[in-house]
Amino acid sequence: MLEFALSVAIGMIVVALFLNVYRLIAGPGMPDRILALDTLYINSIVLLILFGLYLGSTLYFEAALLIAVMGFVGTVALSKYLLRGDIIE
């Protein structure tokens, strides 16, 4: 039963990833694209965690943590650049 639930959840997250990529490419403005990129890395974190649960490996959890840290820094940097035009003050 757990394998079936994980398979369904992984399928739904993959669909969400494709929708995020579509919004990233066809976003009407730069804030929409930054939001799509933020949502894309959050969904990829969830996908890695679900895949790690499915396979029973802890390596995927470490990769998800790395993506979380890098995604946060990237989102902050892009948002700061969009607001001020400069990242470092």
N, C-alpha and C. Protein backbone atom coordinates (compact mmCIF):
# COMPACT_ATOMS: atom_id res chain seq x y z
N MET A 1 0.82 -1.20 0.00
CA MET A 1 0.00 0.00 0.00
C MET A 1 0.86 1.26 0.00
N LEU A 2 1.97 1.25 0.77
CA LEU A 2 2.85 2.41 0.81
C LEU A 2 3.52 2.64 -0.54
N GLU A 3 3.92 1.57 -1.21
CA GLU A 3 4.55 1.71 -2.53
C GLU A 3 3.59 2.33 -3.53
N PHE A 4 2.32 1.95 -3.47
CA PHE A 4 1.31 2.52 -4.38
C PHE A 4 1.12 4.01 -4.09
N ALA A 5 1.02 4.36 -2.82
CA ALA A 5 0.84 5.77 -2.46
C ALA A 5 2.05 6.61 -2.86
N LEU A 6 3.24 6.07 -2.67
CA LEU A 6 4.44 6.79 -3.10
C LEU A 6 4.50 6.93 -4.61
N SER A 7 4.09 5.91 -5.34
CA SER A 7 4.08 5.98 -6.80
C SER A 7 3.10 7.04 -7.30
N VAL A 8 1.94 7.11 -6.69
CA VAL A 8 0.96 8.12 -7.08
C VAL A 8 1.47 9.52 -6.74
N ALA A 9 2.08 9.67 -5.57
CA ALA A 9 2.61 10.98 -5.17
C ALA A 9 3.75 11.41 -6.08
N ILE A 10 4.62 10.48 -6.46
CA ILE A 10 5.72 10.81 -7.38
C ILE A 10 5.16 11.23 -8.73
N GLY A 11 4.15 10.55 -9.21
CA GLY A 11 3.51 10.93 -10.47
C GLY A 11 2.91 12.32 -10.42
N MET A 12 2.26 12.66 -9.33
CA MET A 12 1.67 13.99 -9.20
C MET A 12 2.74 15.08 -9.12
N ILE A 13 3.83 14.80 -8.44
CA ILE A 13 4.91 15.79 -8.35
C ILE A 13 5.58 15.97 -9.70
N VAL A 14 5.71 14.92 -10.48
CA VAL A 14 6.28 15.04 -11.83
C VAL A 14 5.39 15.92 -12.70
N VAL A 15 4.08 15.76 -12.60
CA VAL A 15 3.16 16.63 -13.34
C VAL A 15 3.31 18.07 -12.88
N ALA A 16 3.45 18.28 -11.59
CA ALA A 16 3.64 19.64 -11.06
C ALA A 16 4.96 20.23 -11.56
N LEU A 17 5.99 19.41 -11.68
CA LEU A 17 7.27 19.90 -12.21
C LEU A 17 7.13 20.36 -13.66
N PHE A 18 6.40 19.60 -14.46
CA PHE A 18 6.20 20.01 -15.85
C PHE A 18 5.41 21.32 -15.93
N LEU A 19 4.42 21.48 -15.07
CA LEU A 19 3.67 22.73 -15.05
C LEU A 19 4.53 23.90 -14.59
N ASN A 20 5.44 23.64 -13.66
CA ASN A 20 6.37 24.69 -13.22
C ASN A 20 7.32 25.10 -14.34
N VAL A 21 7.80 24.14 -15.09
CA VAL A 21 8.69 24.45 -16.22
C VAL A 21 7.94 25.27 -17.27
N TYR A 22 6.68 24.93 -17.50
CA TYR A 22 5.88 25.72 -18.44
C TYR A 22 5.73 27.16 -17.96
N ARG A 23 5.46 27.36 -16.68
CA ARG A 23 5.32 28.72 -16.14
C ARG A 23 6.66 29.45 -16.17
N LEU A 24 7.75 28.72 -15.99
CA LEU A 24 9.07 29.32 -16.03
C LEU A 24 9.39 29.83 -17.43
N ILE A 25 8.99 29.09 -18.45
CA ILE A 25 9.27 29.49 -19.83
C ILE A 25 8.28 30.55 -20.31
N ALA A 26 7.01 30.37 -20.03
CA ALA A 26 5.97 31.24 -20.58
C ALA A 26 5.46 32.28 -19.59
N GLY A 27 6.19 32.49 -18.50
CA GLY A 27 5.73 33.46 -17.51
C GLY A 27 5.61 34.86 -18.10
N PRO A 28 4.56 35.57 -17.76
CA PRO A 28 4.40 36.90 -18.36
C PRO A 28 5.40 37.93 -17.84
N GLY A 29 5.92 37.73 -16.66
CA GLY A 29 6.86 38.71 -16.11
C GLY A 29 7.96 38.03 -15.32
N MET A 30 8.94 38.83 -14.95
CA MET A 30 10.06 38.29 -14.20
C MET A 30 9.66 37.80 -12.80
N PRO A 31 8.79 38.48 -12.05
CA PRO A 31 8.38 37.93 -10.75
C PRO A 31 7.69 36.56 -10.87
N ASP A 32 6.91 36.38 -11.94
CA ASP A 32 6.27 35.08 -12.15
C ASP A 32 7.30 33.99 -12.41
N ARG A 33 8.34 34.33 -13.13
CA ARG A 33 9.38 33.35 -13.41
C ARG A 33 10.19 33.01 -12.17
N ILE A 34 10.44 33.99 -11.33
CA ILE A 34 11.16 33.72 -10.08
C ILE A 34 10.31 32.84 -9.17
N LEU A 35 9.02 33.11 -9.11
CA LEU A 35 8.12 32.29 -8.31
C LEU A 35 8.04 30.86 -8.86
N ALA A 36 8.03 30.72 -10.19
CA ALA A 36 8.02 29.39 -10.79
C ALA A 36 9.31 28.64 -10.49
N LEU A 37 10.43 29.35 -10.51
CA LEU A 37 11.71 28.71 -10.18
C LEU A 37 11.74 28.28 -8.72
N ASP A 38 11.19 29.11 -7.83
CA ASP A 38 11.12 28.76 -6.42
C ASP A 38 10.25 27.53 -6.21
N THR A 39 9.12 27.50 -6.86
CA THR A 39 8.22 26.34 -6.75
C THR A 39 8.84 25.10 -7.38
N LEU A 40 9.63 25.29 -8.43
CA LEU A 40 10.30 24.18 -9.10
C LEU A 40 11.30 23.51 -8.17
N TYR A 41 12.07 24.29 -7.46
CA TYR A 41 13.04 23.64 -6.58
C TYR A 41 12.37 23.03 -5.36
N ILE A 42 11.26 23.60 -4.90
CA ILE A 42 10.54 22.97 -3.79
C ILE A 42 9.94 21.63 -4.22
N ASN A 43 9.39 21.59 -5.42
CA ASN A 43 8.84 20.32 -5.92
C ASN A 43 9.95 19.30 -6.16
N SER A 44 11.12 19.75 -6.59
CA SER A 44 12.21 18.79 -6.78
C SER A 44 12.70 18.24 -5.44
N ILE A 45 12.64 19.05 -4.39
CA ILE A 45 12.99 18.56 -3.05
C ILE A 45 12.01 17.47 -2.63
N VAL A 46 10.75 17.73 -2.83
CA VAL A 46 9.73 16.74 -2.46
C VAL A 46 9.89 15.47 -3.28
N LEU A 47 10.21 15.61 -4.57
CA LEU A 47 10.41 14.44 -5.42
C LEU A 47 11.60 13.61 -4.93
N LEU A 48 12.67 14.26 -4.54
CA LEU A 48 13.82 13.51 -4.03
C LEU A 48 13.50 12.81 -2.72
N ILE A 49 12.75 13.47 -1.85
CA ILE A 49 12.39 12.83 -0.58
C ILE A 49 11.49 11.63 -0.81
N LEU A 50 10.51 11.78 -1.69
CA LEU A 50 9.62 10.65 -2.00
C LEU A 50 10.39 9.49 -2.65
N PHE A 51 11.31 9.84 -3.53
CA PHE A 51 12.11 8.80 -4.19
C PHE A 51 13.02 8.10 -3.18
N GLY A 52 13.55 8.86 -2.23
CA GLY A 52 14.36 8.25 -1.18
C GLY A 52 13.55 7.32 -0.29
N LEU A 53 12.30 7.71 0.00
CA LEU A 53 11.43 6.82 0.77
C LEU A 53 11.09 5.56 -0.01
N TYR A 54 10.89 5.72 -1.31
CA TYR A 54 10.53 4.59 -2.15
C TYR A 54 11.67 3.58 -2.23
N LEU A 55 12.91 4.08 -2.34
CA LEU A 55 14.05 3.18 -2.45
C LEU A 55 14.67 2.82 -1.11
N GLY A 56 14.32 3.55 -0.07
CA GLY A 56 14.87 3.28 1.25
C GLY A 56 16.33 3.71 1.39
N SER A 57 16.70 4.79 0.71
CA SER A 57 18.07 5.28 0.74
C SER A 57 18.12 6.68 1.35
N THR A 58 19.12 6.94 2.18
CA THR A 58 19.24 8.25 2.80
C THR A 58 20.03 9.23 1.94
N LEU A 59 20.64 8.77 0.88
CA LEU A 59 21.41 9.64 0.00
C LEU A 59 20.54 10.72 -0.62
N TYR A 60 19.32 10.39 -0.92
CA TYR A 60 18.41 11.35 -1.55
C TYR A 60 18.02 12.47 -0.58
N PHE A 61 18.00 12.19 0.70
CA PHE A 61 17.67 13.22 1.68
C PHE A 61 18.78 14.27 1.75
N GLU A 62 20.02 13.83 1.63
CA GLU A 62 21.14 14.78 1.62
C GLU A 62 21.11 15.64 0.37
N ALA A 63 20.77 15.05 -0.75
CA ALA A 63 20.65 15.81 -1.99
C ALA A 63 19.51 16.82 -1.90
N ALA A 64 18.41 16.44 -1.27
CA ALA A 64 17.30 17.37 -1.09
C ALA A 64 17.68 18.53 -0.20
N LEU A 65 18.47 18.28 0.82
CA LEU A 65 18.93 19.35 1.70
C LEU A 65 19.84 20.31 0.95
N LEU A 66 20.70 19.79 0.11
CA LEU A 66 21.59 20.63 -0.69
C LEU A 66 20.80 21.50 -1.66
N ILE A 67 19.80 20.94 -2.31
CA ILE A 67 18.95 21.71 -3.22
C ILE A 67 18.18 22.78 -2.45
N ALA A 68 17.74 22.47 -1.25
CA ALA A 68 17.00 23.45 -0.45
C ALA A 68 17.86 24.66 -0.13
N VAL A 69 19.10 24.42 0.27
CA VAL A 69 20.00 25.54 0.62
C VAL A 69 20.32 26.37 -0.61
N MET A 70 20.69 25.71 -1.70
CA MET A 70 21.05 26.43 -2.91
C MET A 70 19.85 27.14 -3.52
N GLY A 71 18.68 26.54 -3.45
CA GLY A 71 17.48 27.18 -3.97
C GLY A 71 17.09 28.41 -3.19
N PHE A 72 17.24 28.36 -1.89
CA PHE A 72 16.93 29.53 -1.06
C PHE A 72 17.86 30.69 -1.39
N VAL A 73 19.14 30.41 -1.48
CA VAL A 73 20.11 31.45 -1.79
C VAL A 73 19.86 32.02 -3.19
N GLY A 74 19.53 31.16 -4.13
CA GLY A 74 19.24 31.63 -5.49
C GLY A 74 18.00 32.49 -5.56
N THR A 75 16.96 32.11 -4.84
CA THR A 75 15.73 32.90 -4.84
C THR A 75 15.95 34.27 -4.20
N VAL A 76 16.69 34.31 -3.12
CA VAL A 76 16.98 35.58 -2.46
C VAL A 76 17.81 36.47 -3.38
N ALA A 77 18.81 35.90 -4.03
CA ALA A 77 19.66 36.69 -4.92
C ALA A 77 18.87 37.22 -6.12
N LEU A 78 18.04 36.40 -6.72
CA LEU A 78 17.24 36.86 -7.86
C LEU A 78 16.24 37.93 -7.45
N SER A 79 15.62 37.75 -6.31
CA SER A 79 14.65 38.74 -5.84
C SER A 79 15.33 40.06 -5.52
N LYS A 80 16.49 39.99 -4.91
CA LYS A 80 17.23 41.21 -4.59
C LYS A 80 17.68 41.91 -5.87
N TYR A 81 18.10 41.15 -6.86
CA TYR A 81 18.49 41.74 -8.13
C TYR A 81 17.30 42.38 -8.83
N LEU A 82 16.15 41.74 -8.75
CA LEU A 82 14.95 42.28 -9.39
C LEU A 82 14.50 43.58 -8.73
N LEU A 83 14.60 43.65 -7.41
CA LEU A 83 14.17 44.85 -6.69
C LEU A 83 15.16 46.01 -6.81
N ARG A 84 16.46 45.72 -6.70
CA ARG A 84 17.45 46.80 -6.61
C ARG A 84 18.35 46.92 -7.84
N GLY A 85 18.41 45.89 -8.65
CA GLY A 85 19.31 45.91 -9.80
C GLY A 85 20.75 45.55 -9.45
N ASP A 86 20.99 45.21 -8.18
CA ASP A 86 22.32 44.84 -7.73
C ASP A 86 22.17 43.81 -6.61
N ILE A 87 23.04 42.83 -6.59
CA ILE A 87 22.93 41.79 -5.57
C ILE A 87 23.72 42.16 -4.33
N ILE A 88 24.93 42.63 -4.52
CA ILE A 88 25.80 42.97 -3.40
C ILE A 88 25.75 44.47 -3.19
N GLU A 89 25.52 44.88 -1.95
CA GLU A 89 25.43 46.31 -1.67
C GLU A 89 26.79 46.91 -1.38
